[in-house]
Amino acid sequence: MTAFCRVCGAADPTTVLDLGTVPAADHFPPAETDPMTDPRHVLQLALCTACGLAQLPGDDTTAEEPRGVEPDAVRIAGERAVEEIAARGWLTETTVVREYGSPHGGSWLPGLRARGVRDALPASADEAKATLIVDGLGLMHEADQAAALRERSARLAPGGVLVLQIHSLGTILRQRQWTSVRHGHFAY
């Protein structure tokens, strides 16, 4: 287990959920396998009192994250995000967009291109810096949150805008939207 916050580096995030050792949610052995032999992993959720990030303090699983079919809720949230980006005036004829995607599927690029962005580049491209970087639920899949934020910032042009779509822990708990802890998610 890490003793430091994944994003701000503060020492000893507070454990707020401890489920002990449990099988990984994405482990699907053959039906004839004895379930008592399933590998078990510590599953905890910690909260950093310095920055408020809810996070896995450690995760020794190696979830294979297949690209998923985009749920309607994620698609609608992406469309609303593009509308908000446009309403704030962040789209011009010179906007260069880079996108960090997630295994949850979908892309904001078609909606951004439809609004006149002509130069949409994938996050792996090493050309000119972006004036707009969008990340639709991608950041939560990064084990090193601080490094992932530094990378996104390094790809941003001076005066550019970074838009992050994240899961709000407060909303998840209030609306009882929790589907899994872990499963490739390192932070909420």
N, C-alpha and C. Protein backbone atom coordinates (compact mmCIF):
# COMPACT_ATOMS: atom_id res chain seq x y z
N MET A 1 0.84 -1.18 0.00
CA MET A 1 0.00 0.00 0.00
C MET A 1 0.88 1.24 0.00
N THR A 2 0.44 2.25 -0.74
CA THR A 2 1.19 3.49 -0.74
C THR A 2 0.86 4.28 0.52
N ALA A 3 1.80 5.05 0.97
CA ALA A 3 1.58 5.88 2.15
C ALA A 3 1.44 7.34 1.76
N PHE A 4 1.29 7.59 0.46
CA PHE A 4 1.20 8.97 -0.03
C PHE A 4 0.06 9.10 -1.02
N CYS A 5 -0.54 10.28 -1.06
CA CYS A 5 -1.62 10.57 -1.99
C CYS A 5 -1.11 10.45 -3.42
N ARG A 6 -1.93 9.90 -4.30
CA ARG A 6 -1.57 9.69 -5.70
C ARG A 6 -1.45 10.99 -6.48
N VAL A 7 -2.03 12.09 -5.98
CA VAL A 7 -1.97 13.34 -6.75
C VAL A 7 -1.15 14.42 -6.05
N CYS A 8 -1.36 14.64 -4.75
CA CYS A 8 -0.66 15.75 -4.11
C CYS A 8 0.55 15.31 -3.30
N GLY A 9 0.68 14.00 -3.05
CA GLY A 9 1.83 13.49 -2.33
C GLY A 9 1.74 13.58 -0.82
N ALA A 10 0.62 14.06 -0.29
CA ALA A 10 0.47 14.15 1.17
C ALA A 10 0.60 12.76 1.79
N ALA A 11 1.16 12.72 2.99
CA ALA A 11 1.38 11.44 3.66
C ALA A 11 0.09 10.88 4.24
N ASP A 12 0.00 9.58 4.22
CA ASP A 12 -1.01 8.79 4.92
C ASP A 12 -2.47 9.21 4.66
N PRO A 13 -2.98 9.02 3.43
CA PRO A 13 -4.42 9.21 3.24
C PRO A 13 -5.20 8.32 4.21
N THR A 14 -6.36 8.76 4.62
CA THR A 14 -7.17 8.06 5.62
C THR A 14 -7.99 6.96 4.96
N THR A 15 -7.89 5.74 5.49
CA THR A 15 -8.70 4.63 4.97
C THR A 15 -10.16 4.89 5.34
N VAL A 16 -11.04 4.89 4.34
CA VAL A 16 -12.46 5.12 4.57
C VAL A 16 -13.30 3.89 4.23
N LEU A 17 -12.70 2.91 3.57
CA LEU A 17 -13.39 1.67 3.23
C LEU A 17 -12.35 0.57 3.20
N ASP A 18 -12.59 -0.51 3.92
CA ASP A 18 -11.67 -1.65 3.93
C ASP A 18 -12.50 -2.92 3.78
N LEU A 19 -12.44 -3.52 2.61
CA LEU A 19 -13.20 -4.73 2.34
C LEU A 19 -12.36 -5.99 2.54
N GLY A 20 -11.17 -5.82 3.08
CA GLY A 20 -10.30 -6.97 3.31
C GLY A 20 -9.71 -7.47 2.01
N THR A 21 -9.57 -8.80 1.90
CA THR A 21 -9.06 -9.38 0.65
C THR A 21 -10.22 -10.02 -0.09
N VAL A 22 -10.35 -9.68 -1.34
CA VAL A 22 -11.45 -10.16 -2.18
C VAL A 22 -10.92 -10.52 -3.56
N PRO A 23 -11.63 -11.38 -4.30
CA PRO A 23 -11.23 -11.66 -5.68
C PRO A 23 -11.37 -10.39 -6.52
N ALA A 24 -10.57 -10.28 -7.55
CA ALA A 24 -10.68 -9.14 -8.46
C ALA A 24 -12.00 -9.24 -9.22
N ALA A 25 -12.65 -8.11 -9.44
CA ALA A 25 -13.96 -8.08 -10.09
C ALA A 25 -13.89 -8.53 -11.55
N ASP A 26 -12.72 -8.46 -12.15
CA ASP A 26 -12.61 -8.83 -13.56
C ASP A 26 -11.93 -10.19 -13.75
N HIS A 27 -11.89 -11.01 -12.71
CA HIS A 27 -11.30 -12.35 -12.78
C HIS A 27 -12.41 -13.35 -13.06
N PHE A 28 -12.35 -13.99 -14.22
CA PHE A 28 -13.40 -14.93 -14.61
C PHE A 28 -12.78 -16.30 -14.92
N PRO A 29 -12.55 -17.11 -13.88
CA PRO A 29 -11.96 -18.43 -14.13
C PRO A 29 -12.99 -19.38 -14.74
N PRO A 30 -12.55 -20.50 -15.27
CA PRO A 30 -13.50 -21.49 -15.81
C PRO A 30 -14.50 -21.92 -14.73
N ALA A 31 -15.71 -22.29 -15.14
CA ALA A 31 -16.78 -22.62 -14.20
C ALA A 31 -16.42 -23.76 -13.26
N GLU A 32 -15.60 -24.69 -13.73
CA GLU A 32 -15.26 -25.84 -12.88
C GLU A 32 -14.20 -25.52 -11.83
N THR A 33 -13.65 -24.30 -11.84
CA THR A 33 -12.62 -23.91 -10.87
C THR A 33 -13.25 -23.69 -9.50
N ASP A 34 -12.60 -24.19 -8.48
CA ASP A 34 -13.06 -24.00 -7.11
C ASP A 34 -12.94 -22.51 -6.75
N PRO A 35 -14.06 -21.85 -6.42
CA PRO A 35 -14.00 -20.40 -6.12
C PRO A 35 -13.12 -20.07 -4.92
N MET A 36 -12.87 -21.04 -4.06
CA MET A 36 -12.02 -20.79 -2.89
C MET A 36 -10.56 -20.64 -3.30
N THR A 37 -10.23 -20.98 -4.54
CA THR A 37 -8.85 -20.83 -5.00
C THR A 37 -8.63 -19.55 -5.79
N ASP A 38 -9.68 -18.74 -5.94
CA ASP A 38 -9.52 -17.47 -6.65
C ASP A 38 -8.47 -16.61 -5.94
N PRO A 39 -7.58 -15.99 -6.70
CA PRO A 39 -6.62 -15.07 -6.07
C PRO A 39 -7.38 -13.94 -5.38
N ARG A 40 -6.89 -13.54 -4.22
CA ARG A 40 -7.52 -12.47 -3.46
C ARG A 40 -6.56 -11.31 -3.33
N HIS A 41 -7.15 -10.11 -3.28
CA HIS A 41 -6.36 -8.87 -3.24
C HIS A 41 -6.96 -7.92 -2.22
N VAL A 42 -6.11 -7.19 -1.53
CA VAL A 42 -6.58 -6.18 -0.58
C VAL A 42 -7.38 -5.13 -1.35
N LEU A 43 -8.53 -4.77 -0.82
CA LEU A 43 -9.36 -3.74 -1.45
C LEU A 43 -9.72 -2.69 -0.42
N GLN A 44 -9.09 -1.54 -0.55
CA GLN A 44 -9.34 -0.41 0.34
C GLN A 44 -9.54 0.84 -0.49
N LEU A 45 -10.21 1.79 0.10
CA LEU A 45 -10.37 3.11 -0.48
C LEU A 45 -9.92 4.10 0.58
N ALA A 46 -9.08 5.05 0.19
CA ALA A 46 -8.57 6.04 1.14
C ALA A 46 -8.92 7.44 0.64
N LEU A 47 -8.99 8.36 1.58
CA LEU A 47 -9.30 9.75 1.26
C LEU A 47 -8.15 10.63 1.73
N CYS A 48 -7.62 11.45 0.83
CA CYS A 48 -6.56 12.37 1.19
C CYS A 48 -7.21 13.59 1.85
N THR A 49 -6.82 13.86 3.08
CA THR A 49 -7.39 15.01 3.79
C THR A 49 -6.79 16.32 3.30
N ALA A 50 -5.69 16.26 2.56
CA ALA A 50 -5.07 17.48 2.04
C ALA A 50 -5.76 17.97 0.77
N CYS A 51 -6.06 17.06 -0.17
CA CYS A 51 -6.63 17.50 -1.45
C CYS A 51 -8.01 16.93 -1.74
N GLY A 52 -8.47 15.96 -0.95
CA GLY A 52 -9.81 15.42 -1.12
C GLY A 52 -9.93 14.29 -2.12
N LEU A 53 -8.82 13.79 -2.65
CA LEU A 53 -8.88 12.71 -3.63
C LEU A 53 -9.19 11.39 -2.95
N ALA A 54 -10.24 10.72 -3.40
CA ALA A 54 -10.53 9.35 -2.97
C ALA A 54 -9.75 8.44 -3.90
N GLN A 55 -9.08 7.46 -3.34
CA GLN A 55 -8.14 6.68 -4.15
C GLN A 55 -7.91 5.30 -3.57
N LEU A 56 -7.43 4.41 -4.44
CA LEU A 56 -6.95 3.13 -3.97
C LEU A 56 -5.55 3.37 -3.42
N PRO A 57 -5.30 3.06 -2.16
CA PRO A 57 -3.95 3.29 -1.65
C PRO A 57 -2.95 2.30 -2.25
N GLY A 58 -3.43 1.21 -2.78
CA GLY A 58 -2.58 0.23 -3.45
C GLY A 58 -3.47 -0.67 -4.28
N ASP A 59 -2.91 -1.26 -5.31
CA ASP A 59 -3.67 -2.18 -6.14
C ASP A 59 -2.69 -3.10 -6.84
N ASP A 60 -2.69 -4.37 -6.47
CA ASP A 60 -1.78 -5.31 -7.10
C ASP A 60 -2.45 -6.12 -8.20
N THR A 61 -3.66 -5.72 -8.60
CA THR A 61 -4.31 -6.40 -9.72
C THR A 61 -3.82 -5.77 -11.02
N THR A 62 -4.01 -6.48 -12.09
CA THR A 62 -3.63 -5.96 -13.41
C THR A 62 -4.85 -6.10 -14.31
N ALA A 63 -5.79 -5.22 -14.12
CA ALA A 63 -7.03 -5.27 -14.90
C ALA A 63 -6.73 -5.01 -16.36
N GLU A 64 -7.22 -5.90 -17.20
CA GLU A 64 -7.14 -5.65 -18.63
C GLU A 64 -8.38 -4.86 -18.98
N GLU A 65 -8.18 -3.67 -19.51
CA GLU A 65 -9.32 -2.79 -19.73
C GLU A 65 -9.70 -2.74 -21.20
N PRO A 66 -10.64 -3.59 -21.59
CA PRO A 66 -11.09 -3.54 -22.98
C PRO A 66 -11.88 -2.28 -23.23
N ARG A 67 -11.78 -1.76 -24.44
CA ARG A 67 -12.59 -0.60 -24.78
C ARG A 67 -14.04 -1.03 -24.72
N GLY A 68 -14.84 -0.23 -24.05
CA GLY A 68 -16.23 -0.58 -23.86
C GLY A 68 -17.14 0.12 -24.85
N VAL A 69 -18.36 -0.36 -24.90
CA VAL A 69 -19.40 0.32 -25.66
C VAL A 69 -19.81 1.51 -24.82
N GLU A 70 -19.88 2.65 -25.43
CA GLU A 70 -20.15 3.87 -24.68
C GLU A 70 -21.57 3.87 -24.12
N PRO A 71 -21.72 3.93 -22.80
CA PRO A 71 -23.06 4.04 -22.22
C PRO A 71 -23.70 5.37 -22.59
N ASP A 72 -25.03 5.39 -22.69
CA ASP A 72 -25.74 6.63 -23.02
C ASP A 72 -25.40 7.76 -22.07
N ALA A 73 -25.28 7.46 -20.77
CA ALA A 73 -24.98 8.51 -19.79
C ALA A 73 -23.63 9.16 -20.08
N VAL A 74 -22.64 8.36 -20.48
CA VAL A 74 -21.32 8.90 -20.81
C VAL A 74 -21.39 9.73 -22.09
N ARG A 75 -22.15 9.24 -23.07
CA ARG A 75 -22.31 9.98 -24.33
C ARG A 75 -22.98 11.33 -24.08
N ILE A 76 -24.04 11.33 -23.29
CA ILE A 76 -24.77 12.57 -23.00
C ILE A 76 -23.87 13.54 -22.22
N ALA A 77 -23.12 13.03 -21.26
CA ALA A 77 -22.21 13.90 -20.50
C ALA A 77 -21.16 14.51 -21.42
N GLY A 78 -20.65 13.73 -22.37
CA GLY A 78 -19.68 14.26 -23.34
C GLY A 78 -20.29 15.35 -24.21
N GLU A 79 -21.51 15.14 -24.66
CA GLU A 79 -22.19 16.15 -25.48
C GLU A 79 -22.39 17.44 -24.69
N ARG A 80 -22.77 17.30 -23.43
CA ARG A 80 -22.95 18.48 -22.58
C ARG A 80 -21.63 19.20 -22.34
N ALA A 81 -20.57 18.42 -22.19
CA ALA A 81 -19.25 19.03 -22.00
C ALA A 81 -18.84 19.84 -23.22
N VAL A 82 -19.08 19.30 -24.41
CA VAL A 82 -18.74 20.02 -25.64
C VAL A 82 -19.57 21.30 -25.73
N GLU A 83 -20.85 21.23 -25.37
CA GLU A 83 -21.70 22.43 -25.36
C GLU A 83 -21.13 23.48 -24.41
N GLU A 84 -20.70 23.07 -23.24
CA GLU A 84 -20.14 23.99 -22.24
C GLU A 84 -18.82 24.59 -22.73
N ILE A 85 -17.99 23.77 -23.33
CA ILE A 85 -16.72 24.25 -23.89
C ILE A 85 -16.99 25.33 -24.93
N ALA A 86 -17.95 25.08 -25.80
CA ALA A 86 -18.30 26.06 -26.83
C ALA A 86 -18.89 27.33 -26.20
N ALA A 87 -19.77 27.17 -25.21
CA ALA A 87 -20.40 28.31 -24.56
C ALA A 87 -19.38 29.21 -23.86
N ARG A 88 -18.30 28.63 -23.40
CA ARG A 88 -17.26 29.41 -22.73
C ARG A 88 -16.30 30.08 -23.71
N GLY A 89 -16.51 29.84 -24.99
CA GLY A 89 -15.69 30.51 -26.01
C GLY A 89 -14.32 29.89 -26.22
N TRP A 90 -14.15 28.64 -25.84
CA TRP A 90 -12.85 27.99 -25.95
C TRP A 90 -12.61 27.35 -27.32
N LEU A 91 -13.59 27.46 -28.23
CA LEU A 91 -13.43 26.91 -29.57
C LEU A 91 -13.33 28.06 -30.57
N THR A 92 -12.23 28.08 -31.30
CA THR A 92 -12.05 29.07 -32.36
C THR A 92 -11.52 28.33 -33.59
N GLU A 93 -11.32 29.07 -34.66
CA GLU A 93 -10.79 28.43 -35.87
C GLU A 93 -9.33 28.01 -35.70
N THR A 94 -8.67 28.46 -34.65
CA THR A 94 -7.27 28.06 -34.41
C THR A 94 -7.11 27.04 -33.28
N THR A 95 -8.22 26.55 -32.75
CA THR A 95 -8.15 25.58 -31.65
C THR A 95 -7.51 24.27 -32.11
N VAL A 96 -6.55 23.81 -31.34
CA VAL A 96 -5.94 22.50 -31.54
C VAL A 96 -6.33 21.65 -30.33
N VAL A 97 -7.01 20.55 -30.59
CA VAL A 97 -7.54 19.71 -29.52
C VAL A 97 -6.78 18.39 -29.44
N ARG A 98 -6.51 17.97 -28.23
CA ARG A 98 -6.00 16.62 -27.97
C ARG A 98 -6.95 15.97 -26.98
N GLU A 99 -7.16 14.70 -27.16
CA GLU A 99 -8.08 13.98 -26.30
C GLU A 99 -7.37 12.82 -25.60
N TYR A 100 -7.63 12.70 -24.31
CA TYR A 100 -7.22 11.52 -23.55
C TYR A 100 -8.48 10.73 -23.32
N GLY A 101 -8.58 9.58 -23.92
CA GLY A 101 -9.79 8.78 -23.82
C GLY A 101 -9.74 7.84 -22.62
N SER A 102 -10.76 7.02 -22.52
CA SER A 102 -10.83 6.04 -21.44
C SER A 102 -11.44 4.76 -21.98
N PRO A 103 -11.30 3.67 -21.22
CA PRO A 103 -11.92 2.42 -21.64
C PRO A 103 -13.44 2.46 -21.60
N HIS A 104 -14.02 3.55 -21.09
CA HIS A 104 -15.47 3.65 -21.04
C HIS A 104 -16.08 3.89 -22.42
N GLY A 105 -15.24 4.12 -23.40
CA GLY A 105 -15.70 4.28 -24.77
C GLY A 105 -16.06 5.72 -25.10
N GLY A 106 -16.27 5.93 -26.37
CA GLY A 106 -16.69 7.23 -26.85
C GLY A 106 -15.56 8.22 -27.02
N SER A 107 -15.88 9.31 -27.69
CA SER A 107 -14.93 10.37 -27.94
C SER A 107 -15.68 11.69 -28.05
N TRP A 108 -15.04 12.75 -27.58
CA TRP A 108 -15.60 14.08 -27.73
C TRP A 108 -15.20 14.72 -29.05
N LEU A 109 -14.23 14.13 -29.74
CA LEU A 109 -13.70 14.75 -30.95
C LEU A 109 -14.74 14.98 -32.04
N PRO A 110 -15.65 14.05 -32.33
CA PRO A 110 -16.64 14.34 -33.37
C PRO A 110 -17.47 15.59 -33.06
N GLY A 111 -17.89 15.75 -31.80
CA GLY A 111 -18.66 16.93 -31.41
C GLY A 111 -17.85 18.21 -31.50
N LEU A 112 -16.57 18.11 -31.17
CA LEU A 112 -15.70 19.29 -31.27
C LEU A 112 -15.44 19.64 -32.72
N ARG A 113 -15.18 18.64 -33.54
CA ARG A 113 -14.95 18.88 -34.98
C ARG A 113 -16.18 19.49 -35.63
N ALA A 114 -17.37 19.05 -35.21
CA ALA A 114 -18.61 19.58 -35.78
C ALA A 114 -18.79 21.06 -35.47
N ARG A 115 -18.08 21.54 -34.46
CA ARG A 115 -18.15 22.95 -34.08
C ARG A 115 -17.00 23.76 -34.66
N GLY A 116 -16.30 23.18 -35.63
CA GLY A 116 -15.30 23.95 -36.36
C GLY A 116 -13.85 23.69 -36.00
N VAL A 117 -13.60 22.79 -35.05
CA VAL A 117 -12.22 22.47 -34.74
C VAL A 117 -11.69 21.62 -35.88
N ARG A 118 -10.69 22.13 -36.57
CA ARG A 118 -10.19 21.46 -37.76
C ARG A 118 -8.98 20.55 -37.48
N ASP A 119 -8.32 20.77 -36.37
CA ASP A 119 -7.06 20.10 -36.12
C ASP A 119 -7.13 19.31 -34.82
N ALA A 120 -7.84 18.22 -34.83
CA ALA A 120 -7.96 17.41 -33.63
C ALA A 120 -6.92 16.30 -33.69
N LEU A 121 -6.07 16.25 -32.69
CA LEU A 121 -4.96 15.29 -32.69
C LEU A 121 -5.10 14.32 -31.53
N PRO A 122 -4.67 13.07 -31.71
CA PRO A 122 -4.69 12.14 -30.57
C PRO A 122 -3.64 12.53 -29.54
N ALA A 123 -3.83 12.09 -28.32
CA ALA A 123 -2.90 12.45 -27.24
C ALA A 123 -1.49 11.94 -27.50
N SER A 124 -1.33 10.94 -28.36
CA SER A 124 0.00 10.40 -28.61
C SER A 124 0.78 11.21 -29.63
N ALA A 125 0.13 12.11 -30.34
CA ALA A 125 0.83 12.90 -31.34
C ALA A 125 1.80 13.86 -30.67
N ASP A 126 2.95 14.06 -31.29
CA ASP A 126 3.98 14.92 -30.70
C ASP A 126 4.11 16.26 -31.43
N GLU A 127 3.12 16.63 -32.21
CA GLU A 127 3.18 17.90 -32.92
C GLU A 127 2.95 19.07 -31.96
N ALA A 128 2.53 20.19 -32.48
CA ALA A 128 2.33 21.41 -31.71
C ALA A 128 1.46 21.17 -30.47
N LYS A 129 1.71 21.97 -29.46
CA LYS A 129 0.92 21.86 -28.23
C LYS A 129 -0.53 22.21 -28.50
N ALA A 130 -1.41 21.67 -27.68
CA ALA A 130 -2.84 21.87 -27.85
C ALA A 130 -3.30 23.11 -27.10
N THR A 131 -4.30 23.78 -27.66
CA THR A 131 -4.92 24.90 -26.96
C THR A 131 -6.09 24.41 -26.11
N LEU A 132 -6.53 23.17 -26.38
CA LEU A 132 -7.61 22.56 -25.61
C LEU A 132 -7.29 21.07 -25.47
N ILE A 133 -7.24 20.60 -24.23
CA ILE A 133 -7.09 19.17 -23.97
C ILE A 133 -8.33 18.71 -23.24
N VAL A 134 -8.94 17.64 -23.73
CA VAL A 134 -10.12 17.07 -23.09
C VAL A 134 -9.79 15.66 -22.62
N ASP A 135 -10.31 15.33 -21.45
CA ASP A 135 -10.09 14.02 -20.85
C ASP A 135 -11.43 13.55 -20.29
N GLY A 136 -12.07 12.66 -21.00
CA GLY A 136 -13.35 12.12 -20.58
C GLY A 136 -13.18 10.82 -19.82
N LEU A 137 -13.07 10.90 -18.51
CA LEU A 137 -12.95 9.76 -17.60
C LEU A 137 -11.66 8.96 -17.79
N GLY A 138 -10.65 9.58 -18.38
CA GLY A 138 -9.38 8.89 -18.57
C GLY A 138 -8.47 8.96 -17.37
N LEU A 139 -8.45 10.09 -16.70
CA LEU A 139 -7.51 10.32 -15.61
C LEU A 139 -7.65 9.29 -14.49
N MET A 140 -8.86 8.88 -14.19
CA MET A 140 -9.09 7.94 -13.09
C MET A 140 -8.42 6.59 -13.31
N HIS A 141 -8.03 6.31 -14.55
CA HIS A 141 -7.38 5.05 -14.88
C HIS A 141 -5.87 5.12 -14.77
N GLU A 142 -5.35 6.24 -14.35
CA GLU A 142 -3.90 6.43 -14.22
C GLU A 142 -3.47 6.19 -12.78
N ALA A 143 -2.55 5.23 -12.59
CA ALA A 143 -2.07 4.92 -11.24
C ALA A 143 -1.33 6.10 -10.63
N ASP A 144 -0.51 6.77 -11.43
CA ASP A 144 0.24 7.92 -10.94
C ASP A 144 -0.50 9.18 -11.39
N GLN A 145 -1.43 9.61 -10.56
CA GLN A 145 -2.27 10.77 -10.88
C GLN A 145 -1.44 12.02 -11.13
N ALA A 146 -0.43 12.26 -10.30
CA ALA A 146 0.40 13.46 -10.44
C ALA A 146 1.13 13.45 -11.78
N ALA A 147 1.72 12.32 -12.16
CA ALA A 147 2.44 12.23 -13.44
C ALA A 147 1.49 12.42 -14.62
N ALA A 148 0.29 11.86 -14.51
CA ALA A 148 -0.69 12.01 -15.59
C ALA A 148 -1.10 13.47 -15.77
N LEU A 149 -1.28 14.19 -14.67
CA LEU A 149 -1.61 15.62 -14.75
C LEU A 149 -0.44 16.42 -15.32
N ARG A 150 0.78 16.08 -14.91
CA ARG A 150 1.96 16.77 -15.46
C ARG A 150 2.05 16.55 -16.97
N GLU A 151 1.79 15.32 -17.42
CA GLU A 151 1.84 15.04 -18.87
C GLU A 151 0.82 15.87 -19.63
N ARG A 152 -0.39 15.90 -19.14
CA ARG A 152 -1.43 16.68 -19.81
C ARG A 152 -1.06 18.16 -19.83
N SER A 153 -0.56 18.66 -18.71
CA SER A 153 -0.15 20.07 -18.64
C SER A 153 0.99 20.38 -19.60
N ALA A 154 1.93 19.45 -19.74
CA ALA A 154 3.08 19.65 -20.62
C ALA A 154 2.66 19.74 -22.09
N ARG A 155 1.55 19.13 -22.44
CA ARG A 155 1.06 19.14 -23.82
C ARG A 155 0.16 20.35 -24.11
N LEU A 156 -0.07 21.19 -23.09
CA LEU A 156 -0.97 22.32 -23.22
C LEU A 156 -0.21 23.59 -23.57
N ALA A 157 -0.68 24.28 -24.58
CA ALA A 157 -0.07 25.56 -24.99
C ALA A 157 -0.32 26.61 -23.91
N PRO A 158 0.55 27.63 -23.82
CA PRO A 158 0.30 28.72 -22.87
C PRO A 158 -1.09 29.32 -23.11
N GLY A 159 -1.83 29.51 -22.04
CA GLY A 159 -3.18 30.05 -22.14
C GLY A 159 -4.22 29.02 -22.55
N GLY A 160 -3.80 27.76 -22.75
CA GLY A 160 -4.72 26.71 -23.14
C GLY A 160 -5.62 26.26 -22.00
N VAL A 161 -6.56 25.38 -22.32
CA VAL A 161 -7.56 24.92 -21.35
C VAL A 161 -7.51 23.39 -21.27
N LEU A 162 -7.49 22.89 -20.04
CA LEU A 162 -7.57 21.46 -19.77
C LEU A 162 -8.94 21.17 -19.17
N VAL A 163 -9.71 20.30 -19.82
CA VAL A 163 -11.05 19.94 -19.35
C VAL A 163 -11.01 18.48 -18.93
N LEU A 164 -11.31 18.24 -17.64
CA LEU A 164 -11.32 16.89 -17.08
C LEU A 164 -12.73 16.51 -16.69
N GLN A 165 -13.20 15.39 -17.19
CA GLN A 165 -14.45 14.82 -16.72
C GLN A 165 -14.07 13.75 -15.70
N ILE A 166 -14.54 13.93 -14.48
CA ILE A 166 -14.18 13.00 -13.41
C ILE A 166 -15.43 12.51 -12.71
N HIS A 167 -15.29 11.38 -12.03
CA HIS A 167 -16.37 10.90 -11.19
C HIS A 167 -16.29 11.63 -9.86
N SER A 168 -17.35 12.27 -9.46
CA SER A 168 -17.42 12.94 -8.16
C SER A 168 -17.81 11.91 -7.11
N LEU A 169 -16.93 11.71 -6.13
CA LEU A 169 -17.24 10.74 -5.08
C LEU A 169 -18.52 11.13 -4.34
N GLY A 170 -18.70 12.41 -4.09
CA GLY A 170 -19.91 12.87 -3.42
C GLY A 170 -21.17 12.49 -4.18
N THR A 171 -21.16 12.68 -5.48
CA THR A 171 -22.32 12.33 -6.31
C THR A 171 -22.53 10.82 -6.34
N ILE A 172 -21.44 10.06 -6.46
CA ILE A 172 -21.54 8.60 -6.48
C ILE A 172 -22.22 8.11 -5.20
N LEU A 173 -21.80 8.63 -4.07
CA LEU A 173 -22.38 8.20 -2.79
C LEU A 173 -23.81 8.70 -2.61
N ARG A 174 -24.04 9.97 -2.91
CA ARG A 174 -25.36 10.57 -2.72
C ARG A 174 -26.42 9.88 -3.58
N GLN A 175 -26.06 9.58 -4.83
CA GLN A 175 -27.03 9.00 -5.75
C GLN A 175 -26.92 7.48 -5.86
N ARG A 176 -26.08 6.89 -5.02
CA ARG A 176 -25.90 5.44 -4.98
C ARG A 176 -25.58 4.88 -6.37
N GLN A 177 -24.59 5.50 -7.01
CA GLN A 177 -24.21 5.12 -8.37
C GLN A 177 -23.02 4.17 -8.42
N TRP A 178 -22.57 3.70 -7.27
CA TRP A 178 -21.36 2.90 -7.24
C TRP A 178 -21.57 1.58 -7.95
N THR A 179 -20.65 1.22 -8.84
CA THR A 179 -20.73 -0.07 -9.51
C THR A 179 -19.55 -0.95 -9.15
N SER A 180 -18.39 -0.37 -8.90
CA SER A 180 -17.24 -1.16 -8.47
C SER A 180 -16.18 -0.26 -7.89
N VAL A 181 -15.41 -0.84 -6.99
CA VAL A 181 -14.21 -0.17 -6.48
C VAL A 181 -13.05 -0.94 -7.09
N ARG A 182 -12.15 -0.25 -7.69
CA ARG A 182 -10.98 -0.80 -8.35
C ARG A 182 -11.30 -0.94 -9.83
N HIS A 183 -11.20 -2.11 -10.41
CA HIS A 183 -11.51 -2.39 -11.81
C HIS A 183 -10.86 -1.36 -12.73
N GLY A 184 -9.58 -1.08 -12.45
CA GLY A 184 -8.84 -0.14 -13.29
C GLY A 184 -8.97 1.31 -12.88
N HIS A 185 -9.80 1.60 -11.86
CA HIS A 185 -9.97 2.97 -11.38
C HIS A 185 -9.06 3.16 -10.17
N PHE A 186 -8.20 4.14 -10.24
CA PHE A 186 -7.29 4.42 -9.13
C PHE A 186 -7.74 5.59 -8.28
N ALA A 187 -8.61 6.43 -8.81
CA ALA A 187 -9.02 7.62 -8.08
C ALA A 187 -10.43 8.03 -8.46
N TYR A 188 -11.09 8.71 -7.50
CA TYR A 188 -12.47 9.18 -7.70
C TYR A 188 -12.55 10.61 -7.20
